[in-house]
C-alpha atoms as a PDB file:
ATOM      1  CA  MET A   1       4.485   9.522  18.287  1.00  0.00           C
ATOM      2  CA  PRO A   2       7.525   7.369  19.197  1.00  0.00           C
ATOM      3  CA  HIS A   3      10.722   8.559  17.546  1.00  0.00           C
ATOM      4  CA  SER A   4      11.139   5.348  15.525  1.00  0.00           C
ATOM      5  CA  ASP A   5       7.612   5.736  14.137  1.00  0.00           C
ATOM      6  CA  MET A   6       8.311   9.366  13.331  1.00  0.00           C
ATOM      7  CA  LEU A   7      11.365   8.320  11.309  1.00  0.00           C
ATOM      8  CA  SER A   8       9.344   5.840   9.295  1.00  0.00           C
ATOM      9  CA  ALA A   9       6.655   8.427   8.668  1.00  0.00           C
ATOM     10  CA  ALA A  10       9.227  10.984   7.570  1.00  0.00           C
ATOM     11  CA  ALA A  11      10.821   8.501   5.231  1.00  0.00           C
ATOM     12  CA  GLU A  12       7.484   7.688   3.570  1.00  0.00           C
ATOM     13  CA  SER A  13       5.622  10.969   3.558  1.00  0.00           C
ATOM     14  CA  GLY A  14       7.395  12.830   0.785  1.00  0.00           C
ATOM     15  CA  ILE A  15       6.284  16.080   2.402  1.00  0.00           C
ATOM     16  CA  GLU A  16       9.723  17.220   3.544  1.00  0.00           C
ATOM     17  CA  THR A  17      12.940  16.756   1.638  1.00  0.00           C
ATOM     18  CA  PRO A  18      16.105  15.634   3.408  1.00  0.00           C
ATOM     19  CA  CYS A  19      17.450  19.152   2.934  1.00  0.00           C
ATOM     20  CA  THR A  20      14.528  20.928   4.570  1.00  0.00           C
ATOM     21  CA  ALA A  21      13.444  18.492   7.274  1.00  0.00           C
ATOM     22  CA  GLN A  22      13.931  20.157  10.651  1.00  0.00           C
ATOM     23  CA  ASP A  23      14.887  16.961  12.481  1.00  0.00           C
ATOM     24  CA  PRO A  24      18.527  16.086  11.566  1.00  0.00           C
ATOM     25  CA  LEU A  25      17.970  12.418  12.368  1.00  0.00           C
ATOM     26  CA  ALA A  26      14.854  12.104  10.205  1.00  0.00           C
ATOM     27  CA  ALA A  27      16.592  14.032   7.431  1.00  0.00           C
ATOM     28  CA  MET A  28      19.615  11.746   7.587  1.00  0.00           C
ATOM     29  CA  VAL A  29      17.479   8.600   7.484  1.00  0.00           C
ATOM     30  CA  ALA A  30      15.493   9.923   4.500  1.00  0.00           C
ATOM     31  CA  ALA A  31      18.665  10.909   2.624  1.00  0.00           C
ATOM     32  CA  LEU A  32      20.340   7.544   3.162  1.00  0.00           C
ATOM     33  CA  GLU A  33      17.121   5.729   2.276  1.00  0.00           C
ATOM     34  CA  GLU A  34      17.103   7.546  -1.052  1.00  0.00           C
ATOM     35  CA  ASP A  35      20.797   6.812  -1.614  1.00  0.00           C
ATOM     36  CA  ILE A  36      19.986   3.118  -1.252  1.00  0.00           C
ATOM     37  CA  VAL A  37      16.775   3.239  -3.292  1.00  0.00           C
ATOM     38  CA  PHE A  38      18.432   5.019  -6.209  1.00  0.00           C
ATOM     39  CA  GLY A  39      21.572   2.893  -6.192  1.00  0.00           C
ATOM     40  CA  ARG A  40      23.956   5.624  -5.055  1.00  0.00           C
ATOM     41  CA  LEU A  41      24.812   3.200  -2.274  1.00  0.00           C
ATOM     42  CA  HIS A  42      25.204  -0.313  -3.646  1.00  0.00           C
ATOM     43  CA  PRO A  43      24.322  -3.674  -2.083  1.00  0.00           C
ATOM     44  CA  ARG A  44      27.036  -4.732   0.398  1.00  0.00           C
ATOM     45  CA  GLU A  45      28.537  -1.229   0.416  1.00  0.00           C
ATOM     46  CA  ARG A  46      29.802  -0.266   3.878  1.00  0.00           C
ATOM     47  CA  LEU A  47      28.437   2.772   5.723  1.00  0.00           C
ATOM     48  CA  VAL A  48      31.317   4.298   7.700  1.00  0.00           C
ATOM     49  CA  GLU A  49      30.329   6.262  10.795  1.00  0.00           C
ATOM     50  CA  ASP A  50      33.113   8.859  10.493  1.00  0.00           C
ATOM     51  CA  GLU A  51      32.216   9.562   6.867  1.00  0.00           C
ATOM     52  CA  LEU A  52      28.543   9.951   7.747  1.00  0.00           C
ATOM     53  CA  MET A  53      29.377  12.300  10.616  1.00  0.00           C
ATOM     54  CA  GLU A  54      31.308  14.518   8.230  1.00  0.00           C
ATOM     55  CA  ARG A  55      28.721  14.372   5.461  1.00  0.00           C
ATOM     56  CA  PHE A  56      25.729  15.244   7.632  1.00  0.00           C
ATOM     57  CA  GLY A  57      27.495  17.374  10.247  1.00  0.00           C
ATOM     58  CA  VAL A  58      26.143  15.337  13.159  1.00  0.00           C
ATOM     59  CA  LYS A  59      27.492  13.605  16.253  1.00  0.00           C
ATOM     60  CA  ARG A  60      28.281   9.904  16.379  1.00  0.00           C
ATOM     61  CA  HIS A  61      25.194   9.090  18.456  1.00  0.00           C
ATOM     62  CA  THR A  62      22.994  10.576  15.719  1.00  0.00           C
ATOM     63  CA  VAL A  63      24.731   8.456  13.085  1.00  0.00           C
ATOM     64  CA  ARG A  64      24.223   5.353  15.188  1.00  0.00           C
ATOM     65  CA  ASP A  65      20.554   6.184  15.743  1.00  0.00           C
ATOM     66  CA  ALA A  66      20.145   6.631  11.975  1.00  0.00           C
ATOM     67  CA  LEU A  67      21.833   3.300  11.254  1.00  0.00           C
ATOM     68  CA  ALA A  68      19.610   1.621  13.827  1.00  0.00           C
ATOM     69  CA  ALA A  69      16.539   3.092  12.110  1.00  0.00           C
ATOM     70  CA  LEU A  70      17.733   1.916   8.690  1.00  0.00           C
ATOM     71  CA  ASP A  71      18.373  -1.530  10.152  1.00  0.00           C
ATOM     72  CA  ARG A  72      14.816  -1.666  11.514  1.00  0.00           C
ATOM     73  CA  MET A  73      13.541  -0.619   8.097  1.00  0.00           C
ATOM     74  CA  GLY A  74      15.392  -3.542   6.527  1.00  0.00           C
ATOM     75  CA  LEU A  75      17.594  -1.316   4.365  1.00  0.00           C
ATOM     76  CA  ILE A  76      20.933  -2.195   5.930  1.00  0.00           C
ATOM     77  CA  GLU A  77      22.418  -4.997   7.985  1.00  0.00           C
ATOM     78  CA  ARG A  78      24.954  -4.672  10.767  1.00  0.00           C
ATOM     79  CA  ARG A  79      27.651  -7.312  11.131  1.00  0.00           C
ATOM     80  CA  LYS A  80      30.029  -7.844  14.021  1.00  0.00           C
ATOM     81  CA  ASN A  81      33.542  -6.578  13.308  1.00  0.00           C
ATOM     82  CA  ILE A  82      32.416  -5.204   9.938  1.00  0.00           C
ATOM     83  CA  GLY A  83      29.795  -2.574  10.671  1.00  0.00           C
ATOM     84  CA  ALA A  84      26.788  -1.436   8.662  1.00  0.00           C
ATOM     85  CA  LEU A  85      26.338  -2.641   5.075  1.00  0.00           C
ATOM     86  CA  VAL A  86      23.660  -1.878   2.524  1.00  0.00           C
ATOM     87  CA  ARG A  87      21.460  -4.935   2.493  1.00  0.00           C
ATOM     88  CA  SER A  88      21.918  -7.347  -0.382  1.00  0.00           C
ATOM     89  CA  PHE A  89      19.464 -10.038  -1.405  1.00  0.00           C
ATOM     90  CA  SER A  90      19.883 -13.528  -2.787  1.00  0.00           C
ATOM     91  CA  VAL A  91      17.667 -14.631  -5.666  1.00  0.00           C
ATOM     92  CA  GLN A  92      15.619 -16.698  -3.218  1.00  0.00           C
ATOM     93  CA  GLU A  93      15.192 -13.762  -0.833  1.00  0.00           C
ATOM     94  CA  VAL A  94      13.983 -11.497  -3.631  1.00  0.00           C
ATOM     95  CA  GLN A  95      11.531 -14.100  -4.887  1.00  0.00           C
ATOM     96  CA  GLU A  96      10.214 -14.790  -1.394  1.00  0.00           C
ATOM     97  CA  LEU A  97       9.816 -11.109  -0.517  1.00  0.00           C
ATOM     98  CA  TYR A  98       7.885 -10.430  -3.682  1.00  0.00           C
ATOM     99  CA  GLU A  99       5.797 -13.557  -3.227  1.00  0.00           C
ATOM    100  CA  VAL A 100       4.739 -12.255   0.187  1.00  0.00           C
ATOM    101  CA  ARG A 101       4.126  -8.754  -1.205  1.00  0.00           C
ATOM    102  CA  THR A 102       1.937 -10.231  -3.932  1.00  0.00           C
ATOM    103  CA  MET A 103      -0.110 -12.191  -1.407  1.00  0.00           C
ATOM    104  CA  LEU A 104      -0.562  -9.168   0.851  1.00  0.00           C
ATOM    105  CA  GLU A 105      -1.374  -6.616  -1.836  1.00  0.00           C
ATOM    106  CA  THR A 106      -3.732  -8.787  -3.856  1.00  0.00           C
ATOM    107  CA  GLU A 107      -5.589  -9.741  -0.669  1.00  0.00           C
ATOM    108  CA  ALA A 108      -5.867  -6.063   0.258  1.00  0.00           C
ATOM    109  CA  ALA A 109      -7.232  -5.330  -3.211  1.00  0.00           C
ATOM    110  CA  ARG A 110      -9.860  -8.049  -2.723  1.00  0.00           C
ATOM    111  CA  ARG A 111     -10.839  -6.491   0.600  1.00  0.00           C
ATOM    112  CA  ILE A 112     -11.234  -2.935  -0.683  1.00  0.00           C
ATOM    113  CA  ASP A 113     -14.455  -1.370   0.535  1.00  0.00           C
ATOM    114  CA  LEU A 114     -16.089  -0.156  -2.666  1.00  0.00           C
ATOM    115  CA  GLY A 115     -18.403   1.970  -0.530  1.00  0.00           C
ATOM    116  CA  LEU A 116     -15.405   4.192   0.273  1.00  0.00           C
ATOM    117  CA  VAL A 117     -14.413   4.740  -3.345  1.00  0.00           C
ATOM    118  CA  PRO A 118     -16.806   7.623  -4.221  1.00  0.00           C
ATOM    119  CA  SER A 119     -15.523   9.757  -1.339  1.00  0.00           C
ATOM    120  CA  ARG A 120     -11.849   8.828  -1.744  1.00  0.00           C
ATOM    121  CA  ILE A 121     -11.274   8.483  -5.468  1.00  0.00           C
ATOM    122  CA  GLU A 122     -10.582  12.176  -6.071  1.00  0.00           C
ATOM    123  CA  GLY A 123      -7.839  12.110  -3.452  1.00  0.00           C
ATOM    124  CA  LEU A 124      -6.233   9.129  -5.185  1.00  0.00           C
ATOM    125  CA  ILE A 125      -6.493  10.882  -8.555  1.00  0.00           C
ATOM    126  CA  ALA A 126      -4.881  14.029  -7.125  1.00  0.00           C
ATOM    127  CA  ILE A 127      -1.926  11.976  -5.888  1.00  0.00           C
ATOM    128  CA  GLN A 128      -1.626  10.260  -9.251  1.00  0.00           C
ATOM    129  CA  ARG A 129      -1.569  13.592 -11.066  1.00  0.00           C
ATOM    130  CA  GLN A 130       1.406  14.572  -8.933  1.00  0.00           C
ATOM    131  CA  HIS A 131       3.000  11.238  -9.822  1.00  0.00           C
ATOM    132  CA  ASP A 132       2.347  12.004 -13.514  1.00  0.00           C
ATOM    133  CA  GLU A 133       4.089  15.363 -13.151  1.00  0.00           C
ATOM    134  CA  ALA A 134       7.093  13.758 -11.485  1.00  0.00           C
ATOM    135  CA  VAL A 135       7.372  11.126 -14.237  1.00  0.00           C
ATOM    136  CA  ALA A 136       7.094  13.786 -16.950  1.00  0.00           C
ATOM    137  CA  ALA A 137       9.776  15.875 -15.244  1.00  0.00           C
ATOM    138  CA  GLY A 138      12.090  12.889 -14.826  1.00  0.00           C
ATOM    139  CA  ASP A 139      12.182  13.591 -11.077  1.00  0.00           C
ATOM    140  CA  ALA A 140      13.003  10.090  -9.809  1.00  0.00           C
ATOM    141  CA  ARG A 141      13.011  11.145  -6.166  1.00  0.00           C
ATOM    142  CA  ARG A 142       9.514  12.587  -6.348  1.00  0.00           C
ATOM    143  CA  VAL A 143       8.350   9.621  -8.437  1.00  0.00           C
ATOM    144  CA  PHE A 144       9.445   7.378  -5.567  1.00  0.00           C
ATOM    145  CA  ARG A 145       7.669   9.454  -2.909  1.00  0.00           C
ATOM    146  CA  MET A 146       4.447   9.885  -4.880  1.00  0.00           C
ATOM    147  CA  ASN A 147       4.416   6.187  -5.731  1.00  0.00           C
ATOM    148  CA  LEU A 148       4.496   5.432  -2.013  1.00  0.00           C
ATOM    149  CA  ALA A 149       1.692   7.931  -1.440  1.00  0.00           C
ATOM    150  CA  PHE A 150      -0.425   6.388  -4.212  1.00  0.00           C
ATOM    151  CA  HIS A 151      -0.194   2.872  -2.825  1.00  0.00           C
ATOM    152  CA  ARG A 152      -0.730   4.042   0.743  1.00  0.00           C
ATOM    153  CA  GLU A 153      -3.956   5.747  -0.358  1.00  0.00           C
ATOM    154  CA  LEU A 154      -5.021   2.800  -2.530  1.00  0.00           C
ATOM    155  CA  PHE A 155      -4.584   0.177   0.169  1.00  0.00           C
ATOM    156  CA  GLY A 156      -6.081   2.584   2.685  1.00  0.00           C
ATOM    157  CA  LEU A 157      -9.381   1.595   1.069  1.00  0.00           C
ATOM    158  CA  CYS A 158      -8.925  -1.872   2.571  1.00  0.00           C
ATOM    159  CA  SER A 159     -10.788  -2.310   5.845  1.00  0.00           C
ATOM    160  CA  ASN A 160      -8.021  -4.324   7.552  1.00  0.00           C
ATOM    161  CA  ASN A 161      -5.584  -1.944   9.253  1.00  0.00           C
ATOM    162  CA  THR A 162      -3.148  -4.716  10.174  1.00  0.00           C
ATOM    163  CA  LEU A 163      -2.973  -5.782   6.537  1.00  0.00           C
ATOM    164  CA  GLN A 164      -2.235  -2.189   5.538  1.00  0.00           C
ATOM    165  CA  LYS A 165       0.664  -2.065   8.009  1.00  0.00           C
ATOM    166  CA  ALA A 166       2.048  -5.378   6.752  1.00  0.00           C
ATOM    167  CA  ILE A 167       1.965  -4.077   3.177  1.00  0.00           C
ATOM    168  CA  ALA A 168       3.870  -0.944   4.189  1.00  0.00           C
ATOM    169  CA  GLU A 169       6.468  -2.981   6.095  1.00  0.00           C
ATOM    170  CA  PHE A 170       7.204  -5.407   3.266  1.00  0.00           C
ATOM    171  CA  ALA A 171       7.226  -2.590   0.712  1.00  0.00           C
ATOM    172  CA  ARG A 172       9.848  -0.827   2.852  1.00  0.00           C
ATOM    173  CA  GLN A 173      11.963  -3.970   3.010  1.00  0.00           C
ATOM    174  CA  THR A 174      12.122  -4.054  -0.772  1.00  0.00           C
ATOM    175  CA  HIS A 175      13.262  -0.432  -1.147  1.00  0.00           C
ATOM    176  CA  PRO A 176      16.844  -1.525  -1.940  1.00  0.00           C
ATOM    177  CA  ILE A 177      15.498  -3.796  -4.681  1.00  0.00           C
ATOM    178  CA  ARG A 178      13.713  -1.003  -6.528  1.00  0.00           C
ATOM    179  CA  PHE A 179      16.685   1.019  -7.750  1.00  0.00           C
ATOM    180  CA  ALA A 180      16.978  -0.724 -11.120  1.00  0.00           C
ATOM    181  CA  SER A 181      13.379   0.123 -12.002  1.00  0.00           C
ATOM    182  CA  LEU A 182      13.217   3.590 -10.430  1.00  0.00           C
ATOM    183  CA  VAL A 183      16.121   4.893 -12.506  1.00  0.00           C
ATOM    184  CA  SER A 184      14.532   3.628 -15.731  1.00  0.00           C
ATOM    185  CA  ALA A 185      12.187   6.038 -17.526  1.00  0.00           C
ATOM    186  CA  GLN A 186      10.540   3.060 -19.222  1.00  0.00           C
ATOM    187  CA  TYR A 187       9.665   1.402 -15.927  1.00  0.00           C
ATOM    188  CA  ARG A 188       8.455   4.670 -14.407  1.00  0.00           C
ATOM    189  CA  GLU A 189       6.118   5.246 -17.356  1.00  0.00           C
ATOM    190  CA  ARG A 190       4.786   1.707 -17.118  1.00  0.00           C
ATOM    191  CA  ALA A 191       4.011   2.180 -13.426  1.00  0.00           C
ATOM    192  CA  ARG A 192       2.283   5.478 -14.177  1.00  0.00           C
ATOM    193  CA  ARG A 193      -0.007   3.845 -16.736  1.00  0.00           C
ATOM    194  CA  GLU A 194      -0.784   0.958 -14.410  1.00  0.00           C
ATOM    195  CA  HIS A 195      -1.799   3.382 -11.646  1.00  0.00           C
ATOM    196  CA  TRP A 196      -4.426   4.888 -13.950  1.00  0.00           C
ATOM    197  CA  GLN A 197      -5.651   1.410 -14.849  1.00  0.00           C
ATOM    198  CA  MET A 198      -6.086   0.711 -11.129  1.00  0.00           C
ATOM    199  CA  ILE A 199      -8.065   3.923 -10.764  1.00  0.00           C
ATOM    200  CA  GLU A 200     -10.341   2.944 -13.660  1.00  0.00           C
ATOM    201  CA  ALA A 201     -10.872  -0.518 -12.152  1.00  0.00           C
ATOM    202  CA  LEU A 202     -11.857   1.117  -8.856  1.00  0.00           C
ATOM    203  CA  LYS A 203     -14.301   3.433 -10.601  1.00  0.00           C
ATOM    204  CA  ALA A 204     -15.887   0.440 -12.345  1.00  0.00           C
ATOM    205  CA  GLY A 205     -15.964  -1.623  -9.150  1.00  0.00           C
ATOM    206  CA  ASP A 206     -13.943  -4.287 -11.003  1.00  0.00           C
ATOM    207  CA  ILE A 207     -12.072  -5.942  -8.156  1.00  0.00           C
ATOM    208  CA  ASP A 208     -10.851  -8.895 -10.245  1.00  0.00           C
ATOM    209  CA  THR A 209      -9.066  -6.567 -12.652  1.00  0.00           C
ATOM    210  CA  LEU A 210      -7.647  -4.550  -9.771  1.00  0.00           C
ATOM    211  CA  VAL A 211      -6.251  -7.703  -8.146  1.00  0.00           C
ATOM    212  CA  SER A 212      -4.597  -8.716 -11.415  1.00  0.00           C
ATOM    213  CA  LEU A 213      -3.119  -5.243 -11.882  1.00  0.00           C
ATOM    214  CA  CYS A 214      -1.700  -5.217  -8.347  1.00  0.00           C
ATOM    215  CA  ALA A 215       0.011  -8.560  -8.949  1.00  0.00           C
ATOM    216  CA  ASP A 216       1.479  -7.533 -12.312  1.00  0.00           C
ATOM    217  CA  HIS A 217       2.596  -4.169 -10.912  1.00  0.00           C
ATOM    218  CA  LEU A 218       5.197  -5.831  -8.665  1.00  0.00           C
ATOM    219  CA  VAL A 219       6.951  -7.824 -11.383  1.00  0.00           C
ATOM    220  CA  PRO A 220       9.160  -5.161 -13.074  1.00  0.00           C
ATOM    221  CA  SER A 221      11.073  -4.053  -9.958  1.00  0.00           C
ATOM    222  CA  ARG A 222      11.686  -7.656  -8.910  1.00  0.00           C
ATOM    223  CA  ASP A 223      12.946  -8.719 -12.336  1.00  0.00           C
ATOM    224  CA  ALA A 224      15.003  -5.559 -12.901  1.00  0.00           C
ATOM    225  CA  TYR A 225      16.890  -6.129  -9.630  1.00  0.00           C
ATOM    226  CA  LEU A 226      17.583  -9.768 -10.426  1.00  0.00           C
ATOM    227  CA  GLU A 227      18.805  -8.879 -13.907  1.00  0.00           C
ATOM    228  CA  ALA A 228      21.045  -6.114 -12.555  1.00  0.00           C
ATOM    229  CA  GLN A 229      22.553  -8.402  -9.939  1.00  0.00           C
ATOM    230  CA  GLN A 230      23.168 -11.114 -12.541  1.00  0.00           C
ATOM    231  CA  PHE A 231      24.933  -8.590 -14.760  1.00  0.00           C
ATOM    232  CA  ARG A 232      26.980  -7.268 -11.847  1.00  0.00           C
ATOM    233  CA  GLY A 233      27.927 -10.801 -10.794  1.00  0.00           C
END
């Protein structure tokens, strides 16, 4: 697997934590991704190479490789004479990103192969039970990782592999937008309930309800980010 693909996989898998991952570069990318997702690094905040070298105990080339990976993931932007900044989004950018995500995810829901559901539903339920446990424990980091796993498994029931990849890419680009909802217990509980509603719709073969749920599921993180940015401004 190419190293850039390995970094993306490490950042999404939730199998290894940044502390235990054996690859320092993958661990650094995952740790910084979580800092951005959970608002420990704020939009437009600068990432200083020397500070990152000291924090992670790595050489400058590793820091630069990590920043390049985060740039490819859409989490930061690099500006000439300024350096790397946590990506910020205008109102229009947020609305457009979520409009595209809605189109992609509802279309994937429409294309789900119901013939796959009997053999795959227990795997989806097992992931959701882990998500339930994370929500109950207030473990925001694990909530984030298991949420990614749930949606990866859900849209894996769609027969179009290219559509699945597009969903993953646009979901990754909105990671910095999610912090306002991920840190809220109310939003996490709402997402948990909606996951179970999606599972029930799959069991019933009710694609129309599933499509509606997928569209509604995206709204809270979009609106929470916009509200937080308005308050901050």
